[in-house]
Amino acid sequence: MNFYSITKVIADLPELSAALNYDDGLITYVDLVHLLKPDLTLFVVSKNHPPEHLPISIHTFLKLSLSMEDEIAKFAWATL
């Protein structure tokens, strides 16, 4: 997914745009997921697809790092 697609998804979904503003939310989310990529590869079922659901420890880390509600954090992972 390219940057334009990500920003369009965020803009089209009020739940995510409220939780992930550009500077403090979206960029931080992408940076954190990038840093967690080595850990996430342990949970990949197919090389071409990310895990459908995050492990609880990673989900909790992202949720707390970005002050997101549980369902919004799940929605962010599924959408982005």
Protein backbone atom coordinates (compact mmCIF):
# COMPACT_ATOMS: atom_id res chain seq x y z
CA MET A 1 0.00 0.00 0.00
CA ASN A 2 1.47 3.34 -0.97
CA PHE A 3 1.28 6.58 1.01
CA TYR A 4 -1.59 8.02 -1.02
CA SER A 5 -3.67 4.88 -0.46
CA ILE A 6 -3.00 4.95 3.27
CA THR A 7 -4.00 8.59 3.63
CA LYS A 8 -7.14 7.99 1.54
CA VAL A 9 -8.14 5.04 3.74
CA ILE A 10 -7.63 7.14 6.86
CA ALA A 11 -9.60 10.06 5.41
CA ASP A 12 -12.49 7.80 4.35
CA LEU A 13 -12.84 6.18 7.78
CA PRO A 14 -13.78 8.64 10.52
CA GLU A 15 -13.00 6.11 13.26
CA LEU A 16 -9.40 5.85 12.12
CA SER A 17 -8.93 9.51 11.26
CA ALA A 18 -10.06 10.44 14.77
CA ALA A 19 -7.59 7.99 16.33
CA LEU A 20 -4.67 8.41 13.93
CA ASN A 21 -3.96 11.99 12.96
CA TYR A 22 -1.11 12.36 10.48
CA ASP A 23 1.84 13.43 12.66
CA ASP A 24 1.25 11.76 15.98
CA GLY A 25 -0.77 8.79 14.83
CA LEU A 26 -0.33 7.52 11.31
CA ILE A 27 3.41 8.09 11.00
CA THR A 28 4.03 6.66 14.47
CA TYR A 29 1.83 3.64 13.70
CA VAL A 30 3.69 2.92 10.46
CA ASP A 31 7.07 3.41 12.17
CA LEU A 32 6.17 1.08 15.03
CA VAL A 33 4.85 -1.63 12.71
CA HIS A 34 8.03 -1.32 10.65
CA LEU A 35 10.14 -1.74 13.79
CA LEU A 36 8.04 -4.73 14.83
CA LYS A 37 8.34 -6.42 11.43
CA PRO A 38 10.94 -9.00 12.58
CA ASP A 39 8.61 -10.06 15.39
CA LEU A 40 5.57 -10.06 13.11
CA THR A 41 7.25 -12.40 10.63
CA LEU A 42 7.06 -15.11 13.28
CA PHE A 43 3.26 -15.06 12.94
CA VAL A 44 2.99 -14.96 9.14
CA VAL A 45 1.07 -17.85 7.62
CA SER A 46 1.80 -16.88 4.02
CA LYS A 47 4.82 -14.91 2.79
CA ASN A 48 2.56 -12.64 0.76
CA HIS A 49 0.19 -11.66 3.57
CA PRO A 50 0.60 -10.16 7.03
CA PRO A 51 -0.95 -11.98 9.99
CA GLU A 52 -4.72 -11.58 10.04
CA HIS A 53 -4.64 -10.75 13.76
CA LEU A 54 -1.83 -9.37 15.85
CA PRO A 55 -0.46 -11.31 18.78
CA ILE A 56 -1.93 -9.86 21.97
CA SER A 57 1.42 -8.49 23.14
CA ILE A 58 1.97 -6.54 19.90
CA HIS A 59 -1.66 -5.43 19.77
CA THR A 60 -1.45 -4.16 23.34
CA PHE A 61 1.84 -2.39 22.66
CA LEU A 62 0.46 -0.54 19.62
CA LYS A 63 -2.80 0.26 21.40
CA LEU A 64 -1.07 1.72 24.44
CA SER A 65 1.63 3.50 22.43
CA LEU A 66 -0.98 5.37 20.44
CA SER A 67 -3.64 5.68 23.16
CA MET A 68 -6.14 3.80 21.02
CA GLU A 69 -9.22 1.93 22.11
CA ASP A 70 -9.08 -1.83 21.69
CA GLU A 71 -11.50 -2.05 18.75
CA ILE A 72 -9.89 0.89 16.94
CA ALA A 73 -6.47 -0.77 17.27
CA LYS A 74 -7.89 -3.97 15.76
CA PHE A 75 -9.58 -1.95 13.02
CA ALA A 76 -6.32 -0.10 12.26
CA TRP A 77 -4.41 -3.36 11.83
CA ALA A 78 -7.11 -4.93 9.65
CA THR A 79 -7.42 -1.81 7.50
CA LEU A 80 -3.82 -0.73 7.14
